[in-house]
All heavy atoms as atom14 arrays in JSON, in Angstrom:
{
  "sequence": "AAIIGIVVVMTPLTDEAIPQNEASPQSSALVANKELPPTLDQYPK",
  "atom14_mask": [
    [1, 1, 1, 1, 1, 0, 0, 0, 0, 0, 0, 0, 0, 0],
    [1, 1, 1, 1, 1, 0, 0, 0, 0, 0, 0, 0, 0, 0],
    [1, 1, 1, 1, 1, 1, 1, 1, 0, 0, 0, 0, 0, 0],
    [1, 1, 1, 1, 1, 1, 1, 1, 0, 0, 0, 0, 0, 0],
    [1, 1, 1, 1, 0, 0, 0, 0, 0, 0, 0, 0, 0, 0],
    [1, 1, 1, 1, 1, 1, 1, 1, 0, 0, 0, 0, 0, 0],
    [1, 1, 1, 1, 1, 1, 1, 0, 0, 0, 0, 0, 0, 0],
    [1, 1, 1, 1, 1, 1, 1, 0, 0, 0, 0, 0, 0, 0],
    [1, 1, 1, 1, 1, 1, 1, 0, 0, 0, 0, 0, 0, 0],
    [1, 1, 1, 1, 1, 1, 1, 1, 0, 0, 0, 0, 0, 0],
    [1, 1, 1, 1, 1, 1, 1, 0, 0, 0, 0, 0, 0, 0],
    [1, 1, 1, 1, 1, 1, 1, 0, 0, 0, 0, 0, 0, 0],
    [1, 1, 1, 1, 1, 1, 1, 1, 0, 0, 0, 0, 0, 0],
    [1, 1, 1, 1, 1, 1, 1, 0, 0, 0, 0, 0, 0, 0],
    [1, 1, 1, 1, 1, 1, 1, 1, 0, 0, 0, 0, 0, 0],
    [1, 1, 1, 1, 1, 1, 1, 1, 1, 0, 0, 0, 0, 0],
    [1, 1, 1, 1, 1, 0, 0, 0, 0, 0, 0, 0, 0, 0],
    [1, 1, 1, 1, 1, 1, 1, 1, 0, 0, 0, 0, 0, 0],
    [1, 1, 1, 1, 1, 1, 1, 0, 0, 0, 0, 0, 0, 0],
    [1, 1, 1, 1, 1, 1, 1, 1, 1, 0, 0, 0, 0, 0],
    [1, 1, 1, 1, 1, 1, 1, 1, 0, 0, 0, 0, 0, 0],
    [1, 1, 1, 1, 1, 1, 1, 1, 1, 0, 0, 0, 0, 0],
    [1, 1, 1, 1, 1, 0, 0, 0, 0, 0, 0, 0, 0, 0],
    [1, 1, 1, 1, 1, 1, 0, 0, 0, 0, 0, 0, 0, 0],
    [1, 1, 1, 1, 1, 1, 1, 0, 0, 0, 0, 0, 0, 0],
    [1, 1, 1, 1, 1, 1, 1, 1, 1, 0, 0, 0, 0, 0],
    [1, 1, 1, 1, 1, 1, 0, 0, 0, 0, 0, 0, 0, 0],
    [1, 1, 1, 1, 1, 1, 0, 0, 0, 0, 0, 0, 0, 0],
    [1, 1, 1, 1, 1, 0, 0, 0, 0, 0, 0, 0, 0, 0],
    [1, 1, 1, 1, 1, 1, 1, 1, 0, 0, 0, 0, 0, 0],
    [1, 1, 1, 1, 1, 1, 1, 0, 0, 0, 0, 0, 0, 0],
    [1, 1, 1, 1, 1, 0, 0, 0, 0, 0, 0, 0, 0, 0],
    [1, 1, 1, 1, 1, 1, 1, 1, 0, 0, 0, 0, 0, 0],
    [1, 1, 1, 1, 1, 1, 1, 1, 1, 0, 0, 0, 0, 0],
    [1, 1, 1, 1, 1, 1, 1, 1, 1, 0, 0, 0, 0, 0],
    [1, 1, 1, 1, 1, 1, 1, 1, 0, 0, 0, 0, 0, 0],
    [1, 1, 1, 1, 1, 1, 1, 0, 0, 0, 0, 0, 0, 0],
    [1, 1, 1, 1, 1, 1, 1, 0, 0, 0, 0, 0, 0, 0],
    [1, 1, 1, 1, 1, 1, 1, 0, 0, 0, 0, 0, 0, 0],
    [1, 1, 1, 1, 1, 1, 1, 1, 0, 0, 0, 0, 0, 0],
    [1, 1, 1, 1, 1, 1, 1, 1, 0, 0, 0, 0, 0, 0],
    [1, 1, 1, 1, 1, 1, 1, 1, 1, 0, 0, 0, 0, 0],
    [1, 1, 1, 1, 1, 1, 1, 1, 1, 1, 1, 1, 0, 0],
    [1, 1, 1, 1, 1, 1, 1, 0, 0, 0, 0, 0, 0, 0],
    [1, 1, 1, 1, 1, 1, 1, 1, 1, 0, 0, 0, 0, 0]
  ],
  "atom14_positions": [
    [[0.82, -1.21, 0.0], [0.0, 0.0, 0.0], [0.85, 1.26, 0.0], [0.49, 2.26, -0.6], [-0.93, 0.01, 1.21], [0.0, 0.0, 0.0], [0.0, 0.0, 0.0], [0.0, 0.0, 0.0], [0.0, 0.0, 0.0], [0.0, 0.0, 0.0], [0.0, 0.0, 0.0], [0.0, 0.0, 0.0], [0.0, 0.0, 0.0], [0.0, 0.0, 0.0]],
    [[1.99, 1.2, 0.67], [2.79, 2.42, 0.83], [3.49, 2.84, -0.44], [3.94, 3.96, -0.53], [3.82, 2.24, 1.93], [0.0, 0.0, 0.0], [0.0, 0.0, 0.0], [0.0, 0.0, 0.0], [0.0, 0.0, 0.0], [0.0, 0.0, 0.0], [0.0, 0.0, 0.0], [0.0, 0.0, 0.0], [0.0, 0.0, 0.0], [0.0, 0.0, 0.0]],
    [[3.61, 1.95, -1.41], [4.31, 2.34, -2.64], [3.33, 2.55, -3.78], [3.72, 2.63, -4.92], [5.38, 1.3, -3.02], [4.77, -0.07, -3.3], [6.42, 1.2, -1.95], [5.77, -1.05, -3.81], [0.0, 0.0, 0.0], [0.0, 0.0, 0.0], [0.0, 0.0, 0.0], [0.0, 0.0, 0.0], [0.0, 0.0, 0.0], [0.0, 0.0, 0.0]],
    [[2.06, 2.65, -3.48], [1.09, 2.92, -4.53], [1.25, 4.35, -5.03], [1.12, 4.64, -6.2], [-0.34, 2.69, -4.0], [-0.55, 1.2, -3.74], [-1.37, 3.2, -4.99], [-1.85, 0.89, -3.06], [0.0, 0.0, 0.0], [0.0, 0.0, 0.0], [0.0, 0.0, 0.0], [0.0, 0.0, 0.0], [0.0, 0.0, 0.0], [0.0, 0.0, 0.0]],
    [[1.58, 5.28, -4.11], [1.75, 6.67, -4.5], [0.99, 7.57, -3.56], [-0.03, 7.18, -3.0], [0.0, 0.0, 0.0], [0.0, 0.0, 0.0], [0.0, 0.0, 0.0], [0.0, 0.0, 0.0], [0.0, 0.0, 0.0], [0.0, 0.0, 0.0], [0.0, 0.0, 0.0], [0.0, 0.0, 0.0], [0.0, 0.0, 0.0], [0.0, 0.0, 0.0]],
    [[1.47, 8.79, -3.37], [0.89, 9.61, -2.34], [-0.28, 10.43, -2.84], [-0.82, 11.23, -2.09], [1.95, 10.54, -1.74], [2.6, 11.36, -2.84], [2.98, 9.78, -1.01], [3.61, 12.33, -2.34], [0.0, 0.0, 0.0], [0.0, 0.0, 0.0], [0.0, 0.0, 0.0], [0.0, 0.0, 0.0], [0.0, 0.0, 0.0], [0.0, 0.0, 0.0]],
    [[-0.71, 10.2, -4.06], [-1.86, 10.95, -4.55], [-3.11, 10.65, -3.74], [-4.02, 11.45, -3.63], [-2.1, 10.69, -6.06], [-2.67, 9.33, -6.29], [-2.97, 11.77, -6.65], [0.0, 0.0, 0.0], [0.0, 0.0, 0.0], [0.0, 0.0, 0.0], [0.0, 0.0, 0.0], [0.0, 0.0, 0.0], [0.0, 0.0, 0.0], [0.0, 0.0, 0.0]],
    [[-3.16, 9.46, -3.11], [-4.3, 9.14, -2.28], [-4.3, 9.96, -1.0], [-5.33, 10.18, -0.41], [-4.29, 7.65, -1.89], [-5.44, 6.94, -2.48], [-3.01, 6.99, -2.18], [0.0, 0.0, 0.0], [0.0, 0.0, 0.0], [0.0, 0.0, 0.0], [0.0, 0.0, 0.0], [0.0, 0.0, 0.0], [0.0, 0.0, 0.0], [0.0, 0.0, 0.0]],
    [[-3.14, 10.35, -0.53], [-3.05, 11.09, 0.72], [-3.22, 12.58, 0.47], [-3.93, 13.26, 1.19], [-1.7, 10.82, 1.4], [-1.59, 11.61, 2.7], [-1.54, 9.34, 1.68], [0.0, 0.0, 0.0], [0.0, 0.0, 0.0], [0.0, 0.0, 0.0], [0.0, 0.0, 0.0], [0.0, 0.0, 0.0], [0.0, 0.0, 0.0], [0.0, 0.0, 0.0]],
    [[-2.55, 13.07, -0.56], [-2.63, 14.49, -0.88], [-3.63, 14.7, -2.0], [-3.38, 14.31, -3.13], [-1.26, 15.01, -1.33], [-0.22, 15.01, -0.25], [1.28, 15.76, -0.81], [1.85, 14.54, -1.95], [0.0, 0.0, 0.0], [0.0, 0.0, 0.0], [0.0, 0.0, 0.0], [0.0, 0.0, 0.0], [0.0, 0.0, 0.0], [0.0, 0.0, 0.0]],
    [[-4.76, 15.3, -1.7], [-5.72, 15.6, -2.75], [-5.32, 16.92, -3.38], [-5.41, 17.96, -2.73], [-7.14, 15.72, -2.17], [-7.42, 14.52, -1.46], [-8.16, 15.92, -3.27], [0.0, 0.0, 0.0], [0.0, 0.0, 0.0], [0.0, 0.0, 0.0], [0.0, 0.0, 0.0], [0.0, 0.0, 0.0], [0.0, 0.0, 0.0], [0.0, 0.0, 0.0]],
    [[-4.84, 16.89, -4.62], [-4.25, 18.1, -5.18], [-5.3, 19.16, -5.52], [-6.21, 18.91, -6.29], [-3.56, 17.61, -6.45], [-3.57, 16.13, -6.36], [-4.74, 15.77, -5.51], [0.0, 0.0, 0.0], [0.0, 0.0, 0.0], [0.0, 0.0, 0.0], [0.0, 0.0, 0.0], [0.0, 0.0, 0.0], [0.0, 0.0, 0.0], [0.0, 0.0, 0.0]],
    [[-5.18, 20.32, -4.91], [-5.92, 21.52, -5.32], [-7.39, 21.26, -5.57], [-7.86, 21.28, -6.7], [-5.26, 22.11, -6.57], [-3.83, 22.59, -6.37], [-3.24, 23.03, -7.68], [-3.76, 23.7, -5.37], [0.0, 0.0, 0.0], [0.0, 0.0, 0.0], [0.0, 0.0, 0.0], [0.0, 0.0, 0.0], [0.0, 0.0, 0.0], [0.0, 0.0, 0.0]],
    [[-8.13, 20.96, -4.52], [-9.55, 20.71, -4.66], [-10.28, 22.0, -5.02], [-9.71, 23.1, -4.96], [-10.12, 20.18, -3.34], [-9.9, 21.16, -2.33], [-9.44, 18.89, -2.94], [0.0, 0.0, 0.0], [0.0, 0.0, 0.0], [0.0, 0.0, 0.0], [0.0, 0.0, 0.0], [0.0, 0.0, 0.0], [0.0, 0.0, 0.0], [0.0, 0.0, 0.0]],
    [[-11.55, 21.85, -5.36], [-12.32, 23.03, -5.75], [-12.39, 24.07, -4.64], [-12.56, 25.26, -4.88], [-13.75, 22.63, -6.14], [-13.77, 21.92, -7.48], [-12.91, 22.23, -8.31], [-14.66, 21.08, -7.69], [0.0, 0.0, 0.0], [0.0, 0.0, 0.0], [0.0, 0.0, 0.0], [0.0, 0.0, 0.0], [0.0, 0.0, 0.0], [0.0, 0.0, 0.0]],
    [[-12.24, 23.58, -3.37], [-12.3, 24.52, -2.27], [-11.14, 25.51, -2.3], [-11.16, 26.53, -1.62], [-12.29, 23.76, -0.94], [-13.61, 23.06, -0.63], [-13.82, 21.8, -1.44], [-12.85, 21.32, -2.04], [-14.97, 21.31, -1.5], [0.0, 0.0, 0.0], [0.0, 0.0, 0.0], [0.0, 0.0, 0.0], [0.0, 0.0, 0.0], [0.0, 0.0, 0.0]],
    [[-10.08, 25.19, -3.05], [-8.95, 26.11, -3.15], [-9.29, 27.33, -3.98], [-8.59, 28.33, -3.95], [-7.74, 25.4, -3.75], [0.0, 0.0, 0.0], [0.0, 0.0, 0.0], [0.0, 0.0, 0.0], [0.0, 0.0, 0.0], [0.0, 0.0, 0.0], [0.0, 0.0, 0.0], [0.0, 0.0, 0.0], [0.0, 0.0, 0.0], [0.0, 0.0, 0.0]],
    [[-10.39, 27.26, -4.77], [-10.81, 28.39, -5.58], [-11.71, 29.29, -4.74], [-12.7, 28.83, -4.17], [-11.58, 27.9, -6.82], [-10.7, 26.97, -7.64], [-12.04, 29.07, -7.66], [-11.4, 26.34, -8.79], [0.0, 0.0, 0.0], [0.0, 0.0, 0.0], [0.0, 0.0, 0.0], [0.0, 0.0, 0.0], [0.0, 0.0, 0.0], [0.0, 0.0, 0.0]],
    [[-11.4, 30.56, -4.6], [-12.25, 31.44, -3.8], [-13.66, 31.49, -4.38], [-13.85, 31.78, -5.54], [-11.54, 32.79, -3.88], [-10.59, 32.7, -5.02], [-10.24, 31.26, -5.16], [0.0, 0.0, 0.0], [0.0, 0.0, 0.0], [0.0, 0.0, 0.0], [0.0, 0.0, 0.0], [0.0, 0.0, 0.0], [0.0, 0.0, 0.0], [0.0, 0.0, 0.0]],
    [[-14.68, 31.21, -3.52], [-16.06, 31.17, -3.97], [-16.81, 32.47, -3.67], [-17.7, 32.85, -4.4], [-16.78, 29.99, -3.29], [-16.14, 28.65, -3.57], [-16.19, 28.27, -5.03], [-17.23, 28.42, -5.69], [-15.08, 27.81, -5.58], [0.0, 0.0, 0.0], [0.0, 0.0, 0.0], [0.0, 0.0, 0.0], [0.0, 0.0, 0.0], [0.0, 0.0, 0.0]],
    [[-16.5, 33.09, -2.54], [-17.11, 34.37, -2.21], [-16.2, 35.11, -1.25], [-15.24, 34.56, -0.73], [-18.52, 34.18, -1.63], [-18.49, 33.24, -0.45], [-17.81, 33.52, 0.53], [-19.23, 32.12, -0.53], [0.0, 0.0, 0.0], [0.0, 0.0, 0.0], [0.0, 0.0, 0.0], [0.0, 0.0, 0.0], [0.0, 0.0, 0.0], [0.0, 0.0, 0.0]],
    [[-16.55, 36.35, -0.93], [-15.67, 37.17, -0.12], [-15.52, 36.65, 1.29], [-14.54, 36.94, 1.97], [-16.17, 38.61, -0.1], [-16.09, 39.27, -1.48], [-16.57, 40.7, -1.43], [-16.53, 41.3, -0.34], [-16.98, 41.23, -2.47], [0.0, 0.0, 0.0], [0.0, 0.0, 0.0], [0.0, 0.0, 0.0], [0.0, 0.0, 0.0], [0.0, 0.0, 0.0]],
    [[-16.5, 35.87, 1.77], [-16.47, 35.43, 3.16], [-15.68, 34.15, 3.37], [-15.4, 33.77, 4.49], [-17.9, 35.2, 3.66], [0.0, 0.0, 0.0], [0.0, 0.0, 0.0], [0.0, 0.0, 0.0], [0.0, 0.0, 0.0], [0.0, 0.0, 0.0], [0.0, 0.0, 0.0], [0.0, 0.0, 0.0], [0.0, 0.0, 0.0], [0.0, 0.0, 0.0]],
    [[-15.33, 33.45, 2.28], [-14.66, 32.17, 2.44], [-13.23, 32.36, 2.9], [-12.59, 33.35, 2.56], [-14.67, 31.4, 1.11], [-13.78, 32.0, 0.22], [0.0, 0.0, 0.0], [0.0, 0.0, 0.0], [0.0, 0.0, 0.0], [0.0, 0.0, 0.0], [0.0, 0.0, 0.0], [0.0, 0.0, 0.0], [0.0, 0.0, 0.0], [0.0, 0.0, 0.0]],
    [[-12.69, 31.4, 3.71], [-11.29, 31.51, 4.16], [-10.33, 31.58, 2.98], [-9.34, 32.31, 3.03], [-11.08, 30.23, 4.97], [-12.46, 29.8, 5.37], [-13.35, 30.23, 4.26], [0.0, 0.0, 0.0], [0.0, 0.0, 0.0], [0.0, 0.0, 0.0], [0.0, 0.0, 0.0], [0.0, 0.0, 0.0], [0.0, 0.0, 0.0], [0.0, 0.0, 0.0]],
    [[-10.64, 30.81, 1.93], [-9.74, 30.84, 0.79], [-9.72, 32.2, 0.12], [-8.7, 32.66, -0.38], [-10.15, 29.77, -0.24], [-9.85, 28.36, 0.19], [-10.87, 27.83, 1.17], [-11.95, 28.4, 1.33], [-10.54, 26.75, 1.85], [0.0, 0.0, 0.0], [0.0, 0.0, 0.0], [0.0, 0.0, 0.0], [0.0, 0.0, 0.0], [0.0, 0.0, 0.0]],
    [[-10.89, 32.84, 0.12], [-10.95, 34.14, -0.53], [-10.05, 35.14, 0.19], [-9.31, 35.88, -0.45], [-12.39, 34.65, -0.55], [-12.47, 35.92, -1.13], [0.0, 0.0, 0.0], [0.0, 0.0, 0.0], [0.0, 0.0, 0.0], [0.0, 0.0, 0.0], [0.0, 0.0, 0.0], [0.0, 0.0, 0.0], [0.0, 0.0, 0.0], [0.0, 0.0, 0.0]],
    [[-10.11, 35.15, 1.53], [-9.29, 36.12, 2.26], [-7.82, 35.71, 2.27], [-6.94, 36.58, 2.28], [-9.8, 36.24, 3.7], [-9.75, 34.97, 4.33], [0.0, 0.0, 0.0], [0.0, 0.0, 0.0], [0.0, 0.0, 0.0], [0.0, 0.0, 0.0], [0.0, 0.0, 0.0], [0.0, 0.0, 0.0], [0.0, 0.0, 0.0], [0.0, 0.0, 0.0]],
    [[-7.53, 34.42, 2.25], [-6.14, 33.98, 2.36], [-5.41, 34.06, 1.04], [-4.26, 34.46, 0.97], [-6.09, 32.54, 2.89], [0.0, 0.0, 0.0], [0.0, 0.0, 0.0], [0.0, 0.0, 0.0], [0.0, 0.0, 0.0], [0.0, 0.0, 0.0], [0.0, 0.0, 0.0], [0.0, 0.0, 0.0], [0.0, 0.0, 0.0], [0.0, 0.0, 0.0]],
    [[-6.1, 33.66, -0.03], [-5.43, 33.55, -1.31], [-5.58, 34.81, -2.17], [-4.79, 35.05, -3.06], [-5.95, 32.34, -2.08], [-5.67, 31.0, -1.41], [-6.31, 29.88, -2.21], [-4.18, 30.77, -1.29], [0.0, 0.0, 0.0], [0.0, 0.0, 0.0], [0.0, 0.0, 0.0], [0.0, 0.0, 0.0], [0.0, 0.0, 0.0], [0.0, 0.0, 0.0]],
    [[-6.61, 35.58, -1.94], [-6.79, 36.82, -2.68], [-6.91, 37.92, -1.63], [-7.96, 38.47, -1.37], [-8.04, 36.76, -3.58], [-8.04, 37.95, -4.54], [-8.06, 35.47, -4.37], [0.0, 0.0, 0.0], [0.0, 0.0, 0.0], [0.0, 0.0, 0.0], [0.0, 0.0, 0.0], [0.0, 0.0, 0.0], [0.0, 0.0, 0.0], [0.0, 0.0, 0.0]],
    [[-5.79, 38.23, -1.0], [-5.79, 39.15, 0.13], [-6.19, 40.56, -0.3], [-6.83, 41.29, 0.44], [-4.44, 39.14, 0.81], [0.0, 0.0, 0.0], [0.0, 0.0, 0.0], [0.0, 0.0, 0.0], [0.0, 0.0, 0.0], [0.0, 0.0, 0.0], [0.0, 0.0, 0.0], [0.0, 0.0, 0.0], [0.0, 0.0, 0.0], [0.0, 0.0, 0.0]],
    [[-5.78, 40.98, -1.49], [-6.05, 42.32, -1.97], [-7.0, 42.24, -3.15], [-6.66, 41.81, -4.22], [-4.72, 42.98, -2.41], [-4.89, 44.43, -2.8], [-5.98, 44.86, -3.14], [-3.8, 45.17, -2.7], [0.0, 0.0, 0.0], [0.0, 0.0, 0.0], [0.0, 0.0, 0.0], [0.0, 0.0, 0.0], [0.0, 0.0, 0.0], [0.0, 0.0, 0.0]],
    [[-8.27, 42.66, -2.93], [-9.27, 42.55, -3.99], [-8.93, 43.46, -5.17], [-9.34, 43.19, -6.29], [-10.65, 42.91, -3.45], [-11.22, 41.85, -2.51], [-12.56, 42.26, -1.95], [-13.56, 42.5, -3.07], [-14.89, 42.88, -2.55], [0.0, 0.0, 0.0], [0.0, 0.0, 0.0], [0.0, 0.0, 0.0], [0.0, 0.0, 0.0], [0.0, 0.0, 0.0]],
    [[-8.24, 44.56, -4.88], [-7.92, 45.47, -5.98], [-6.86, 44.86, -6.9], [-6.9, 45.04, -8.11], [-7.41, 46.8, -5.41], [-8.41, 47.51, -4.52], [-9.7, 47.82, -5.25], [-9.62, 48.18, -6.44], [-10.78, 47.7, -4.64], [0.0, 0.0, 0.0], [0.0, 0.0, 0.0], [0.0, 0.0, 0.0], [0.0, 0.0, 0.0], [0.0, 0.0, 0.0]],
    [[-5.92, 44.17, -6.32], [-4.83, 43.61, -7.12], [-4.4, 42.27, -6.53], [-3.69, 42.25, -5.53], [-3.64, 44.57, -7.15], [-2.44, 44.15, -8.01], [-2.85, 44.09, -9.48], [-1.28, 45.11, -7.82], [0.0, 0.0, 0.0], [0.0, 0.0, 0.0], [0.0, 0.0, 0.0], [0.0, 0.0, 0.0], [0.0, 0.0, 0.0], [0.0, 0.0, 0.0]],
    [[-4.84, 41.16, -7.08], [-4.43, 39.85, -6.57], [-2.92, 39.71, -6.62], [-2.25, 40.31, -7.46], [-5.11, 38.86, -7.53], [-6.22, 39.65, -8.17], [-5.74, 41.05, -8.23], [0.0, 0.0, 0.0], [0.0, 0.0, 0.0], [0.0, 0.0, 0.0], [0.0, 0.0, 0.0], [0.0, 0.0, 0.0], [0.0, 0.0, 0.0], [0.0, 0.0, 0.0]],
    [[-2.35, 38.94, -5.68], [-0.89, 38.82, -5.62], [-0.31, 38.15, -6.85], [-0.9, 37.24, -7.4], [-0.66, 37.97, -4.37], [-1.93, 37.22, -4.19], [-3.01, 38.11, -4.67], [0.0, 0.0, 0.0], [0.0, 0.0, 0.0], [0.0, 0.0, 0.0], [0.0, 0.0, 0.0], [0.0, 0.0, 0.0], [0.0, 0.0, 0.0], [0.0, 0.0, 0.0]],
    [[0.83, 38.64, -7.29], [1.57, 37.94, -8.33], [2.34, 36.8, -7.68], [2.36, 36.65, -6.46], [2.55, 38.88, -9.03], [3.54, 39.29, -8.08], [1.83, 40.11, -9.57], [0.0, 0.0, 0.0], [0.0, 0.0, 0.0], [0.0, 0.0, 0.0], [0.0, 0.0, 0.0], [0.0, 0.0, 0.0], [0.0, 0.0, 0.0], [0.0, 0.0, 0.0]],
    [[3.0, 36.0, -8.5], [3.78, 34.89, -7.94], [4.86, 35.38, -6.99], [5.12, 34.78, -5.96], [4.4, 34.07, -9.06], [3.41, 33.34, -9.98], [4.18, 32.57, -11.04], [2.52, 32.41, -9.18], [0.0, 0.0, 0.0], [0.0, 0.0, 0.0], [0.0, 0.0, 0.0], [0.0, 0.0, 0.0], [0.0, 0.0, 0.0], [0.0, 0.0, 0.0]],
    [[5.51, 36.5, -7.34], [6.57, 37.03, -6.48], [6.02, 37.6, -5.18], [6.71, 37.6, -4.16], [7.37, 38.1, -7.22], [8.16, 37.51, -8.37], [8.48, 36.31, -8.31], [8.43, 38.24, -9.33], [0.0, 0.0, 0.0], [0.0, 0.0, 0.0], [0.0, 0.0, 0.0], [0.0, 0.0, 0.0], [0.0, 0.0, 0.0], [0.0, 0.0, 0.0]],
    [[4.79, 38.09, -5.2], [4.21, 38.72, -4.03], [3.55, 37.71, -3.09], [3.25, 38.03, -1.95], [3.16, 39.76, -4.44], [3.76, 40.93, -5.22], [2.68, 41.77, -5.87], [1.61, 41.29, -6.21], [2.96, 43.07, -6.03], [0.0, 0.0, 0.0], [0.0, 0.0, 0.0], [0.0, 0.0, 0.0], [0.0, 0.0, 0.0], [0.0, 0.0, 0.0]],
    [[3.31, 36.51, -3.59], [2.58, 35.53, -2.78], [3.4, 35.14, -1.56], [4.57, 34.8, -1.66], [2.27, 34.28, -3.62], [1.2, 33.43, -3.0], [-0.14, 33.63, -3.31], [1.51, 32.44, -2.08], [-1.13, 32.87, -2.73], [0.54, 31.67, -1.5], [-0.79, 31.89, -1.82], [-1.78, 31.13, -1.25], [0.0, 0.0, 0.0], [0.0, 0.0, 0.0]],
    [[2.81, 35.21, -0.33], [3.59, 34.9, 0.88], [4.0, 33.43, 0.93], [3.21, 32.54, 0.65], [2.61, 35.24, 2.01], [1.26, 35.09, 1.4], [1.42, 35.52, -0.03], [0.0, 0.0, 0.0], [0.0, 0.0, 0.0], [0.0, 0.0, 0.0], [0.0, 0.0, 0.0], [0.0, 0.0, 0.0], [0.0, 0.0, 0.0], [0.0, 0.0, 0.0]],
    [[5.26, 33.19, 1.28], [5.77, 31.84, 1.35], [5.95, 31.41, 2.8], [6.49, 32.16, 3.61], [7.11, 31.72, 0.61], [6.98, 31.96, -0.89], [8.31, 31.79, -1.59], [8.17, 32.04, -3.08], [9.44, 31.87, -3.8], [0.0, 0.0, 0.0], [0.0, 0.0, 0.0], [0.0, 0.0, 0.0], [0.0, 0.0, 0.0], [0.0, 0.0, 0.0]]
  ]
}
């Protein structure tokens, strides 16, 4: 089982990762600035 692959453990980028509305955690976390969404360089690491 352990060598099948970790895709079963890590569900890659589910739909919940897409901001759905202003109140969602993803919306505030991933699109912190509504006027200008972060570029790749600006995204907090």
